[in-house]
Amino acid sequence: MAEGIVNLTSATFDEVVNSSSKPILVDFWAEWCGPCKQIAPILEQIASENPEKIAIAKLNVDDYGDIAGRFNVMSIPTMLLFADGELKHKIVGAMPKGRMLEELSPFLPAGQ
């Protein structure tokens, strides 16, 4: 796993999401998912380029379907952005880095 990206489990999900001091983007993915593999390097870049603005986490839906079900994740990749422990935004599907940053920018602290 890339530096700055946390792997979540059913046991760690709530603690990590609720205790994050910055917005946290959770990538719901699976090993067999081609588009999930396409966006992985993009998420790694965003994590490494913006460590003060956003945290990135991954949750394997095959291993932790209970969490995916809790948030009605019906297709992958789905990325959920949480701030202060609350779901703020949902992104479904792979997209280029620029588009991903556009989706995230309203929720990230400015000017850092």
PDB file of N, CA and C in Angstrom:
ATOM      1  N   MET A   1       0.840  -1.186   0.000  1.00  0.00           N
ATOM      2  CA  MET A   1       0.000   0.000   0.000  1.00  0.00           C
ATOM      3  C   MET A   1       0.880   1.242   0.000  1.00  0.00           C
ATOM      4  N   ALA A   2       0.457   2.235  -0.721  1.00  0.00           N
ATOM      5  CA  ALA A   2       1.247   3.458  -0.865  1.00  0.00           C
ATOM      6  C   ALA A   2       1.314   4.228   0.451  1.00  0.00           C
ATOM      7  N   GLU A   3       2.380   4.960   0.582  1.00  0.00           N
ATOM      8  CA  GLU A   3       2.550   5.795   1.759  1.00  0.00           C
ATOM      9  C   GLU A   3       1.404   6.809   1.829  1.00  0.00           C
ATOM     10  N   GLY A   4       0.848   6.987   3.016  1.00  0.00           N
ATOM     11  CA  GLY A   4      -0.230   7.944   3.194  1.00  0.00           C
ATOM     12  C   GLY A   4      -1.611   7.374   2.956  1.00  0.00           C
ATOM     13  N   ILE A   5      -1.701   6.117   2.542  1.00  0.00           N
ATOM     14  CA  ILE A   5      -3.008   5.490   2.340  1.00  0.00           C
ATOM     15  C   ILE A   5      -3.179   4.386   3.370  1.00  0.00           C
ATOM     16  N   VAL A   6      -4.315   4.408   4.051  1.00  0.00           N
ATOM     17  CA  VAL A   6      -4.599   3.470   5.132  1.00  0.00           C
ATOM     18  C   VAL A   6      -5.575   2.411   4.632  1.00  0.00           C
ATOM     19  N   ASN A   7      -5.330   1.161   4.972  1.00  0.00           N
ATOM     20  CA  ASN A   7      -6.288   0.097   4.697  1.00  0.00           C
ATOM     21  C   ASN A   7      -7.255  -0.001   5.867  1.00  0.00           C
ATOM     22  N   LEU A   8      -8.547   0.059   5.568  1.00  0.00           N
ATOM     23  CA  LEU A   8      -9.563  -0.026   6.615  1.00  0.00           C
ATOM     24  C   LEU A   8     -10.163  -1.424   6.673  1.00  0.00           C
ATOM     25  N   THR A   9     -10.676  -1.758   7.842  1.00  0.00           N
ATOM     26  CA  THR A   9     -11.409  -3.005   8.067  1.00  0.00           C
ATOM     27  C   THR A   9     -12.719  -2.645   8.752  1.00  0.00           C
ATOM     28  N   SER A  10     -13.576  -3.625   8.937  1.00  0.00           N
ATOM     29  CA  SER A  10     -14.818  -3.375   9.675  1.00  0.00           C
ATOM     30  C   SER A  10     -14.509  -2.883  11.087  1.00  0.00           C
ATOM     31  N   ALA A  11     -13.432  -3.399  11.658  1.00  0.00           N
ATOM     32  CA  ALA A  11     -13.068  -3.045  13.036  1.00  0.00           C
ATOM     33  C   ALA A  11     -12.473  -1.644  13.153  1.00  0.00           C
ATOM     34  N   THR A  12     -11.813  -1.157  12.094  1.00  0.00           N
ATOM     35  CA  THR A  12     -11.127   0.140  12.188  1.00  0.00           C
ATOM     36  C   THR A  12     -11.866   1.279  11.485  1.00  0.00           C
ATOM     37  N   PHE A  13     -12.865   0.975  10.684  1.00  0.00           N
ATOM     38  CA  PHE A  13     -13.510   1.993   9.856  1.00  0.00           C
ATOM     39  C   PHE A  13     -13.994   3.192  10.665  1.00  0.00           C
ATOM     40  N   ASP A  14     -14.877   2.957  11.629  1.00  0.00           N
ATOM     41  CA  ASP A  14     -15.475   4.068  12.375  1.00  0.00           C
ATOM     42  C   ASP A  14     -14.430   4.888  13.123  1.00  0.00           C
ATOM     43  N   GLU A  15     -13.489   4.222  13.760  1.00  0.00           N
ATOM     44  CA  GLU A  15     -12.467   4.944  14.523  1.00  0.00           C
ATOM     45  C   GLU A  15     -11.634   5.837  13.612  1.00  0.00           C
ATOM     46  N   VAL A  16     -11.173   5.302  12.488  1.00  0.00           N
ATOM     47  CA  VAL A  16     -10.319   6.078  11.581  1.00  0.00           C
ATOM     48  C   VAL A  16     -11.101   7.246  10.968  1.00  0.00           C
ATOM     49  N   VAL A  17     -12.302   6.977  10.479  1.00  0.00           N
ATOM     50  CA  VAL A  17     -13.096   8.030   9.829  1.00  0.00           C
ATOM     51  C   VAL A  17     -13.487   9.111  10.830  1.00  0.00           C
ATOM     52  N   ASN A  18     -13.944   8.714  12.004  1.00  0.00           N
ATOM     53  CA  ASN A  18     -14.415   9.692  12.984  1.00  0.00           C
ATOM     54  C   ASN A  18     -13.295  10.480  13.648  1.00  0.00           C
ATOM     55  N   SER A  19     -12.088   9.937  13.668  1.00  0.00           N
ATOM     56  CA  SER A  19     -10.994  10.624  14.350  1.00  0.00           C
ATOM     57  C   SER A  19     -10.112  11.428  13.403  1.00  0.00           C
ATOM     58  N   SER A  20     -10.406  11.391  12.116  1.00  0.00           N
ATOM     59  CA  SER A  20      -9.568  12.112  11.155  1.00  0.00           C
ATOM     60  C   SER A  20      -9.704  13.622  11.355  1.00  0.00           C
ATOM     61  N   SER A  21      -8.574  14.293  11.464  1.00  0.00           N
ATOM     62  CA  SER A  21      -8.579  15.744  11.667  1.00  0.00           C
ATOM     63  C   SER A  21      -8.755  16.502  10.354  1.00  0.00           C
ATOM     64  N   LYS A  22      -8.710  15.785   9.243  1.00  0.00           N
ATOM     65  CA  LYS A  22      -8.914  16.398   7.928  1.00  0.00           C
ATOM     66  C   LYS A  22      -9.902  15.535   7.158  1.00  0.00           C
ATOM     67  N   PRO A  23     -10.450  16.047   6.057  1.00  0.00           N
ATOM     68  CA  PRO A  23     -11.348  15.205   5.259  1.00  0.00           C
ATOM     69  C   PRO A  23     -10.652  13.896   4.873  1.00  0.00           C
ATOM     70  N   ILE A  24     -11.426  12.819   4.869  1.00  0.00           N
ATOM     71  CA  ILE A  24     -10.876  11.510   4.519  1.00  0.00           C
ATOM     72  C   ILE A  24     -11.711  10.904   3.390  1.00  0.00           C
ATOM     73  N   LEU A  25     -11.027  10.504   2.335  1.00  0.00           N
ATOM     74  CA  LEU A  25     -11.670   9.879   1.187  1.00  0.00           C
ATOM     75  C   LEU A  25     -11.473   8.376   1.302  1.00  0.00           C
ATOM     76  N   VAL A  26     -12.585   7.640   1.364  1.00  0.00           N
ATOM     77  CA  VAL A  26     -12.527   6.180   1.473  1.00  0.00           C
ATOM     78  C   VAL A  26     -12.864   5.578   0.119  1.00  0.00           C
ATOM     79  N   ASP A  27     -11.912   4.840  -0.428  1.00  0.00           N
ATOM     80  CA  ASP A  27     -12.059   4.164  -1.715  1.00  0.00           C
ATOM     81  C   ASP A  27     -12.569   2.750  -1.469  1.00  0.00           C
ATOM     82  N   PHE A  28     -13.794   2.476  -1.923  1.00  0.00           N
ATOM     83  CA  PHE A  28     -14.362   1.127  -1.850  1.00  0.00           C
ATOM     84  C   PHE A  28     -13.965   0.419  -3.140  1.00  0.00           C
ATOM     85  N   TRP A  29     -13.220  -0.689  -3.009  1.00  0.00           N
ATOM     86  CA  TRP A  29     -12.601  -1.337  -4.165  1.00  0.00           C
ATOM     87  C   TRP A  29     -12.596  -2.844  -3.986  1.00  0.00           C
ATOM     88  N   ALA A  30     -12.151  -3.547  -5.033  1.00  0.00           N
ATOM     89  CA  ALA A  30     -11.931  -4.998  -4.972  1.00  0.00           C
ATOM     90  C   ALA A  30     -10.774  -5.347  -5.902  1.00  0.00           C
ATOM     91  N   GLU A  31     -10.111  -6.430  -5.599  1.00  0.00           N
ATOM     92  CA  GLU A  31      -8.940  -6.872  -6.361  1.00  0.00           C
ATOM     93  C   GLU A  31      -9.266  -7.128  -7.834  1.00  0.00           C
ATOM     94  N   TRP A  32     -10.450  -7.631  -8.118  1.00  0.00           N
ATOM     95  CA  TRP A  32     -10.843  -8.012  -9.471  1.00  0.00           C
ATOM     96  C   TRP A  32     -11.354  -6.832 -10.313  1.00  0.00           C
ATOM     97  N   CYS A  33     -11.451  -5.657  -9.733  1.00  0.00           N
ATOM     98  CA  CYS A  33     -12.071  -4.494 -10.371  1.00  0.00           C
ATOM     99  C   CYS A  33     -11.053  -3.697 -11.185  1.00  0.00           C
ATOM    100  N   GLY A  34     -11.177  -3.742 -12.525  1.00  0.00           N
ATOM    101  CA  GLY A  34     -10.268  -3.016 -13.398  1.00  0.00           C
ATOM    102  C   GLY A  34     -10.251  -1.511 -13.165  1.00  0.00           C
ATOM    103  N   PRO A  35     -11.421  -0.838 -13.144  1.00  0.00           N
ATOM    104  CA  PRO A  35     -11.424   0.600 -12.892  1.00  0.00           C
ATOM    105  C   PRO A  35     -10.836   0.963 -11.524  1.00  0.00           C
ATOM    106  N   CYS A  36     -10.974   0.080 -10.545  1.00  0.00           N
ATOM    107  CA  CYS A  36     -10.375   0.324  -9.228  1.00  0.00           C
ATOM    108  C   CYS A  36      -8.854   0.394  -9.351  1.00  0.00           C
ATOM    109  N   LYS A  37      -8.310  -0.504 -10.171  1.00  0.00           N
ATOM    110  CA  LYS A  37      -6.863  -0.507 -10.381  1.00  0.00           C
ATOM    111  C   LYS A  37      -6.418   0.731 -11.153  1.00  0.00           C
ATOM    112  N   GLN A  38      -7.282   1.254 -12.033  1.00  0.00           N
ATOM    113  CA  GLN A  38      -6.959   2.458 -12.789  1.00  0.00           C
ATOM    114  C   GLN A  38      -6.836   3.676 -11.881  1.00  0.00           C
ATOM    115  N   ILE A  39      -7.703   3.784 -10.898  1.00  0.00           N
ATOM    116  CA  ILE A  39      -7.676   4.986 -10.056  1.00  0.00           C
ATOM    117  C   ILE A  39      -6.696   4.881  -8.892  1.00  0.00           C
ATOM    118  N   ALA A  40      -6.210   3.692  -8.597  1.00  0.00           N
ATOM    119  CA  ALA A  40      -5.283   3.535  -7.464  1.00  0.00           C
ATOM    120  C   ALA A  40      -4.086   4.479  -7.547  1.00  0.00           C
ATOM    121  N   PRO A  41      -3.388   4.567  -8.701  1.00  0.00           N
ATOM    122  CA  PRO A  41      -2.251   5.486  -8.758  1.00  0.00           C
ATOM    123  C   PRO A  41      -2.666   6.957  -8.632  1.00  0.00           C
ATOM    124  N   ILE A  42      -3.860   7.286  -9.095  1.00  0.00           N
ATOM    125  CA  ILE A  42      -4.358   8.662  -8.970  1.00  0.00           C
ATOM    126  C   ILE A  42      -4.565   8.999  -7.500  1.00  0.00           C
ATOM    127  N   LEU A  43      -5.168   8.070  -6.758  1.00  0.00           N
ATOM    128  CA  LEU A  43      -5.381   8.305  -5.328  1.00  0.00           C
ATOM    129  C   LEU A  43      -4.049   8.397  -4.596  1.00  0.00           C
ATOM    130  N   GLU A  44      -3.072   7.598  -5.005  1.00  0.00           N
ATOM    131  CA  GLU A  44      -1.739   7.661  -4.394  1.00  0.00           C
ATOM    132  C   GLU A  44      -1.107   9.035  -4.635  1.00  0.00           C
ATOM    133  N   GLN A  45      -1.267   9.564  -5.848  1.00  0.00           N
ATOM    134  CA  GLN A  45      -0.729  10.889  -6.152  1.00  0.00           C
ATOM    135  C   GLN A  45      -1.410  11.965  -5.314  1.00  0.00           C
ATOM    136  N   ILE A  46      -2.732  11.899  -5.226  1.00  0.00           N
ATOM    137  CA  ILE A  46      -3.472  12.895  -4.440  1.00  0.00           C
ATOM    138  C   ILE A  46      -3.038  12.832  -2.977  1.00  0.00           C
ATOM    139  N   ALA A  47      -2.868  11.627  -2.450  1.00  0.00           N
ATOM    140  CA  ALA A  47      -2.449  11.467  -1.048  1.00  0.00           C
ATOM    141  C   ALA A  47      -1.061  12.058  -0.828  1.00  0.00           C
ATOM    142  N   SER A  48      -0.127  11.789  -1.754  1.00  0.00           N
ATOM    143  CA  SER A  48       1.248  12.256  -1.558  1.00  0.00           C
ATOM    144  C   SER A  48       1.396  13.753  -1.819  1.00  0.00           C
ATOM    145  N   GLU A  49       0.562  14.313  -2.690  1.00  0.00           N
ATOM    146  CA  GLU A  49       0.666  15.732  -3.033  1.00  0.00           C
ATOM    147  C   GLU A  49      -0.116  16.635  -2.074  1.00  0.00           C
ATOM    148  N   ASN A  50      -1.053  16.072  -1.320  1.00  0.00           N
ATOM    149  CA  ASN A  50      -1.932  16.874  -0.463  1.00  0.00           C
ATOM    150  C   ASN A  50      -2.042  16.323   0.958  1.00  0.00           C
ATOM    151  N   PRO A  51      -0.931  15.921   1.576  1.00  0.00           N
ATOM    152  CA  PRO A  51      -1.043  15.255   2.880  1.00  0.00           C
ATOM    153  C   PRO A  51      -1.638  16.145   3.981  1.00  0.00           C
ATOM    154  N   GLU A  52      -1.522  17.457   3.824  1.00  0.00           N
ATOM    155  CA  GLU A  52      -2.062  18.356   4.841  1.00  0.00           C
ATOM    156  C   GLU A  52      -3.549  18.630   4.639  1.00  0.00           C
ATOM    157  N   LYS A  53      -4.086  18.289   3.457  1.00  0.00           N
ATOM    158  CA  LYS A  53      -5.471  18.624   3.131  1.00  0.00           C
ATOM    159  C   LYS A  53      -6.437  17.448   3.190  1.00  0.00           C
ATOM    160  N   ILE A  54      -5.935  16.240   2.885  1.00  0.00           N
ATOM    161  CA  ILE A  54      -6.849  15.095   2.775  1.00  0.00           C
ATOM    162  C   ILE A  54      -6.135  13.807   3.174  1.00  0.00           C
ATOM    163  N   ALA A  55      -6.909  12.916   3.778  1.00  0.00           N
ATOM    164  CA  ALA A  55      -6.433  11.564   4.067  1.00  0.00           C
ATOM    165  C   ALA A  55      -7.133  10.631   3.074  1.00  0.00           C
ATOM    166  N   ILE A  56      -6.429   9.586   2.659  1.00  0.00           N
ATOM    167  CA  ILE A  56      -6.997   8.600   1.734  1.00  0.00           C
ATOM    168  C   ILE A  56      -6.968   7.238   2.424  1.00  0.00           C
ATOM    169  N   ALA A  57      -8.081   6.521   2.320  1.00  0.00           N
ATOM    170  CA  ALA A  57      -8.164   5.182   2.891  1.00  0.00           C
ATOM    171  C   ALA A  57      -8.825   4.269   1.865  1.00  0.00           C
ATOM    172  N   LYS A  58      -8.560   2.968   1.987  1.00  0.00           N
ATOM    173  CA  LYS A  58      -9.140   1.978   1.078  1.00  0.00           C
ATOM    174  C   LYS A  58      -9.855   0.910   1.894  1.00  0.00           C
ATOM    175  N   LEU A  59     -10.984   0.440   1.358  1.00  0.00           N
ATOM    176  CA  LEU A  59     -11.725  -0.636   2.000  1.00  0.00           C
ATOM    177  C   LEU A  59     -12.103  -1.659   0.932  1.00  0.00           C
ATOM    178  N   ASN A  60     -11.642  -2.893   1.104  1.00  0.00           N
ATOM    179  CA  ASN A  60     -11.928  -3.968   0.157  1.00  0.00           C
ATOM    180  C   ASN A  60     -13.350  -4.476   0.399  1.00  0.00           C
ATOM    181  N   VAL A  61     -14.227  -4.307  -0.605  1.00  0.00           N
ATOM    182  CA  VAL A  61     -15.629  -4.677  -0.423  1.00  0.00           C
ATOM    183  C   VAL A  61     -15.828  -6.189  -0.350  1.00  0.00           C
ATOM    184  N   ASP A  62     -14.909  -6.960  -0.917  1.00  0.00           N
ATOM    185  CA  ASP A  62     -15.023  -8.413  -0.815  1.00  0.00           C
ATOM    186  C   ASP A  62     -14.774  -8.875   0.614  1.00  0.00           C
ATOM    187  N   ASP A  63     -13.876  -8.197   1.304  1.00  0.00           N
ATOM    188  CA  ASP A  63     -13.547  -8.577   2.675  1.00  0.00           C
ATOM    189  C   ASP A  63     -14.461  -7.923   3.709  1.00  0.00           C
ATOM    190  N   TYR A  64     -14.968  -6.742   3.393  1.00  0.00           N
ATOM    191  CA  TYR A  64     -15.742  -5.972   4.385  1.00  0.00           C
ATOM    192  C   TYR A  64     -17.036  -5.445   3.768  1.00  0.00           C
ATOM    193  N   GLY A  65     -17.813  -6.363   3.231  1.00  0.00           N
ATOM    194  CA  GLY A  65     -19.087  -6.022   2.602  1.00  0.00           C
ATOM    195  C   GLY A  65     -20.079  -5.387   3.552  1.00  0.00           C
ATOM    196  N   ASP A  66     -19.924  -5.612   4.852  1.00  0.00           N
ATOM    197  CA  ASP A  66     -20.832  -5.009   5.824  1.00  0.00           C
ATOM    198  C   ASP A  66     -20.741  -3.484   5.784  1.00  0.00           C
ATOM    199  N   ILE A  67     -19.535  -2.967   5.638  1.00  0.00           N
ATOM    200  CA  ILE A  67     -19.358  -1.517   5.578  1.00  0.00           C
ATOM    201  C   ILE A  67     -19.887  -0.983   4.248  1.00  0.00           C
ATOM    202  N   ALA A  68     -19.603  -1.677   3.158  1.00  0.00           N
ATOM    203  CA  ALA A  68     -20.116  -1.269   1.846  1.00  0.00           C
ATOM    204  C   ALA A  68     -21.646  -1.224   1.875  1.00  0.00           C
ATOM    205  N   GLY A  69     -22.253  -2.231   2.480  1.00  0.00           N
ATOM    206  CA  GLY A  69     -23.707  -2.260   2.584  1.00  0.00           C
ATOM    207  C   GLY A  69     -24.258  -1.127   3.433  1.00  0.00           C
ATOM    208  N   ARG A  70     -23.561  -0.800   4.478  1.00  0.00           N
ATOM    209  CA  ARG A  70     -23.987   0.278   5.375  1.00  0.00           C
ATOM    210  C   ARG A  70     -24.099   1.612   4.638  1.00  0.00           C
ATOM    211  N   PHE A  71     -23.245   1.816   3.637  1.00  0.00           N
ATOM    212  CA  PHE A  71     -23.254   3.067   2.883  1.00  0.00           C
ATOM    213  C   PHE A  71     -23.843   2.906   1.480  1.00  0.00           C
ATOM    214  N   ASN A  72     -24.568   1.800   1.260  1.00  0.00           N
ATOM    215  CA  ASN A  72     -25.247   1.541  -0.016  1.00  0.00           C
ATOM    216  C   ASN A  72     -24.308   1.634  -1.215  1.00  0.00           C
ATOM    217  N   VAL A  73     -23.095   1.100  -1.061  1.00  0.00           N
ATOM    218  CA  VAL A  73     -22.158   1.057  -2.180  1.00  0.00           C
ATOM    219  C   VAL A  73     -22.586  -0.099  -3.082  1.00  0.00           C
ATOM    220  N   MET A  74     -23.092   0.249  -4.259  1.00  0.00           N
ATOM    221  CA  MET A  74     -23.639  -0.747  -5.174  1.00  0.00           C
ATOM    222  C   MET A  74     -22.698  -1.078  -6.325  1.00  0.00           C
ATOM    223  N   SER A  75     -21.779  -0.180  -6.627  1.00  0.00           N
ATOM    224  CA  SER A  75     -20.809  -0.434  -7.694  1.00  0.00           C
ATOM    225  C   SER A  75     -19.466   0.126  -7.246  1.00  0.00           C
ATOM    226  N   ILE A  76     -18.421  -0.421  -7.836  1.00  0.00           N
ATOM    227  CA  ILE A  76     -17.087   0.050  -7.479  1.00  0.00           C
ATOM    228  C   ILE A  76     -16.331   0.411  -8.745  1.00  0.00           C
ATOM    229  N   PRO A  77     -15.405   1.340  -8.677  1.00  0.00           N
ATOM    230  CA  PRO A  77     -15.015   2.038  -7.466  1.00  0.00           C
ATOM    231  C   PRO A  77     -16.042   3.096  -7.050  1.00  0.00           C
ATOM    232  N   THR A  78     -16.262   3.180  -5.754  1.00  0.00           N
ATOM    233  CA  THR A  78     -17.020   4.266  -5.151  1.00  0.00           C
ATOM    234  C   THR A  78     -16.125   4.876  -4.094  1.00  0.00           C
ATOM    235  N   MET A  79     -16.066   6.197  -4.080  1.00  0.00           N
ATOM    236  CA  MET A  79     -15.274   6.899  -3.077  1.00  0.00           C
ATOM    237  C   MET A  79     -16.197   7.792  -2.271  1.00  0.00           C
ATOM    238  N   LEU A  80     -16.127   7.650  -0.960  1.00  0.00           N
ATOM    239  CA  LEU A  80     -16.932   8.467  -0.064  1.00  0.00           C
ATOM    240  C   LEU A  80     -16.024   9.415   0.687  1.00  0.00           C
ATOM    241  N   LEU A  81     -16.386  10.686   0.686  1.00  0.00           N
ATOM    242  CA  LEU A  81     -15.612  11.698   1.397  1.00  0.00           C
ATOM    243  C   LEU A  81     -16.318  12.029   2.706  1.00  0.00           C
ATOM    244  N   PHE A  82     -15.589  11.872   3.795  1.00  0.00           N
ATOM    245  CA  PHE A  82     -16.098  12.186   5.122  1.00  0.00           C
ATOM    246  C   PHE A  82     -15.330  13.372   5.687  1.00  0.00           C
ATOM    247  N   ALA A  83     -16.039  14.247   6.400  1.00  0.00           N
ATOM    248  CA  ALA A  83     -15.402  15.329   7.136  1.00  0.00           C
ATOM    249  C   ALA A  83     -16.092  15.401   8.485  1.00  0.00           C
ATOM    250  N   ASP A  84     -15.312  15.489   9.540  1.00  0.00           N
ATOM    251  CA  ASP A  84     -15.849  15.492  10.906  1.00  0.00           C
ATOM    252  C   ASP A  84     -16.754  14.292  11.143  1.00  0.00           C
ATOM    253  N   GLY A  85     -16.391  13.149  10.550  1.00  0.00           N
ATOM    254  CA  GLY A  85     -17.138  11.915  10.757  1.00  0.00           C
ATOM    255  C   GLY A  85     -18.425  11.805   9.970  1.00  0.00           C
ATOM    256  N   GLU A  86     -18.762  12.818   9.166  1.00  0.00           N
ATOM    257  CA  GLU A  86     -20.012  12.807   8.405  1.00  0.00           C
ATOM    258  C   GLU A  86     -19.736  12.640   6.921  1.00  0.00           C
ATOM    259  N   LEU A  87     -20.588  11.867   6.260  1.00  0.00           N
ATOM    260  CA  LEU A  87     -20.492  11.690   4.815  1.00  0.00           C
ATOM    261  C   LEU A  87     -20.859  13.002   4.136  1.00  0.00           C
ATOM    262  N   LYS A  88     -19.930  13.518   3.320  1.00  0.00           N
ATOM    263  CA  LYS A  88     -20.140  14.807   2.653  1.00  0.00           C
ATOM    264  C   LYS A  88     -20.323  14.684   1.149  1.00  0.00           C
ATOM    265  N   HIS A  89     -19.700  13.658   0.538  1.00  0.00           N
ATOM    266  CA  HIS A  89     -19.737  13.573  -0.924  1.00  0.00           C
ATOM    267  C   HIS A  89     -19.490  12.134  -1.364  1.00  0.00           C
ATOM    268  N   LYS A  90     -20.114  11.762  -2.480  1.00  0.00           N
ATOM    269  CA  LYS A  90     -19.961  10.415  -3.042  1.00  0.00           C
ATOM    270  C   LYS A  90     -19.523  10.536  -4.493  1.00  0.00           C
ATOM    271  N   ILE A  91     -18.487   9.790  -4.862  1.00  0.00           N
ATOM    272  CA  ILE A  91     -17.987   9.755  -6.235  1.00  0.00           C
ATOM    273  C   ILE A  91     -18.058   8.303  -6.688  1.00  0.00           C
ATOM    274  N   VAL A  92     -18.705   8.068  -7.814  1.00  0.00           N
ATOM    275  CA  VAL A  92     -18.830   6.710  -8.344  1.00  0.00           C
ATOM    276  C   VAL A  92     -18.124   6.640  -9.689  1.00  0.00           C
ATOM    277  N   GLY A  93     -17.233   5.673  -9.824  1.00  0.00           N
ATOM    278  CA  GLY A  93     -16.547   5.434 -11.084  1.00  0.00           C
ATOM    279  C   GLY A  93     -15.166   6.048 -11.146  1.00  0.00           C
ATOM    280  N   ALA A  94     -14.377   5.520 -12.062  1.00  0.00           N
ATOM    281  CA  ALA A  94     -13.022   6.013 -12.271  1.00  0.00           C
ATOM    282  C   ALA A  94     -13.072   7.299 -13.078  1.00  0.00           C
ATOM    283  N   MET A  95     -12.097   8.166 -12.842  1.00  0.00           N
ATOM    284  CA  MET A  95     -11.999   9.420 -13.574  1.00  0.00           C
ATOM    285  C   MET A  95     -10.560   9.898 -13.548  1.00  0.00           C
ATOM    286  N   PRO A  96     -10.218  10.810 -14.451  1.00  0.00           N
ATOM    287  CA  PRO A  96      -8.855  11.345 -14.440  1.00  0.00           C
ATOM    288  C   PRO A  96      -8.592  12.167 -13.180  1.00  0.00           C
ATOM    289  N   LYS A  97      -7.320  12.364 -12.889  1.00  0.00           N
ATOM    290  CA  LYS A  97      -6.915  13.073 -11.681  1.00  0.00           C
ATOM    291  C   LYS A  97      -7.523  14.474 -11.593  1.00  0.00           C
ATOM    292  N   GLY A  98      -7.502  15.220 -12.694  1.00  0.00           N
ATOM    293  CA  GLY A  98      -8.048  16.578 -12.681  1.00  0.00           C
ATOM    294  C   GLY A  98      -9.510  16.603 -12.292  1.00  0.00           C
ATOM    295  N   ARG A  99     -10.268  15.684 -12.830  1.00  0.00           N
ATOM    296  CA  ARG A  99     -11.699  15.603 -12.513  1.00  0.00           C
ATOM    297  C   ARG A  99     -11.900  15.212 -11.047  1.00  0.00           C
ATOM    298  N   MET A 100     -11.072  14.286 -10.565  1.00  0.00           N
ATOM    299  CA  MET A 100     -11.166  13.868  -9.169  1.00  0.00           C
ATOM    300  C   MET A 100     -10.903  15.058  -8.243  1.00  0.00           C
ATOM    301  N   LEU A 101      -9.875  15.836  -8.558  1.00  0.00           N
ATOM    302  CA  LEU A 101      -9.561  17.007  -7.737  1.00  0.00           C
ATOM    303  C   LEU A 101     -10.685  18.035  -7.780  1.00  0.00           C
ATOM    304  N   GLU A 102     -11.335  18.195  -8.941  1.00  0.00           N
ATOM    305  CA  GLU A 102     -12.490  19.090  -9.043  1.00  0.00           C
ATOM    306  C   GLU A 102     -13.617  18.629  -8.113  1.00  0.00           C
ATOM    307  N   GLU A 103     -13.853  17.320  -8.093  1.00  0.00           N
ATOM    308  CA  GLU A 103     -14.902  16.765  -7.230  1.00  0.00           C
ATOM    309  C   GLU A 103     -14.594  16.999  -5.749  1.00  0.00           C
ATOM    310  N   LEU A 104     -13.311  16.907  -5.401  1.00  0.00           N
ATOM    311  CA  LEU A 104     -12.915  17.003  -3.996  1.00  0.00           C
ATOM    312  C   LEU A 104     -12.719  18.439  -3.508  1.00  0.00           C
ATOM    313  N   SER A 105     -12.356  19.345  -4.405  1.00  0.00           N
ATOM    314  CA  SER A 105     -11.922  20.683  -3.990  1.00  0.00           C
ATOM    315  C   SER A 105     -12.912  21.450  -3.114  1.00  0.00           C
ATOM    316  N   PRO A 106     -14.239  21.358  -3.315  1.00  0.00           N
ATOM    317  CA  PRO A 106     -15.132  22.107  -2.433  1.00  0.00           C
ATOM    318  C   PRO A 106     -15.068  21.666  -0.958  1.00  0.00           C
ATOM    319  N   PHE A 107     -14.521  20.493  -0.725  1.00  0.00           N
ATOM    320  CA  PHE A 107     -14.511  19.926   0.626  1.00  0.00           C
ATOM    321  C   PHE A 107     -13.148  20.002   1.301  1.00  0.00           C
ATOM    322  N   LEU A 108     -12.148  20.505   0.581  1.00  0.00           N
ATOM    323  CA  LEU A 108     -10.786  20.549   1.119  1.00  0.00           C
ATOM    324  C   LEU A 108     -10.466  21.945   1.627  1.00  0.00           C
ATOM    325  N   PRO A 109      -9.629  22.028   2.679  1.00  0.00           N
ATOM    326  CA  PRO A 109      -9.239  23.350   3.161  1.00  0.00           C
ATOM    327  C   PRO A 109      -8.458  24.102   2.081  1.00  0.00           C
ATOM    328  N   ALA A 110      -8.698  25.379   1.974  1.00  0.00           N
ATOM    329  CA  ALA A 110      -8.044  26.191   0.941  1.00  0.00           C
ATOM    330  C   ALA A 110      -6.764  26.825   1.450  1.00  0.00           C
ATOM    331  N   GLY A 111      -5.893  27.150   0.527  1.00  0.00           N
ATOM    332  CA  GLY A 111      -4.742  27.969   0.813  1.00  0.00           C
ATOM    333  C   GLY A 111      -3.665  27.389   1.702  1.00  0.00           C
ATOM    334  N   GLN A 112      -3.504  26.084   1.718  1.00  0.00           N
ATOM    335  CA  GLN A 112      -2.445  25.508   2.543  1.00  0.00           C
ATOM    336  C   GLN A 112      -1.270  25.133   1.696  1.00  0.00           C
TER     337      GLN A 112
END
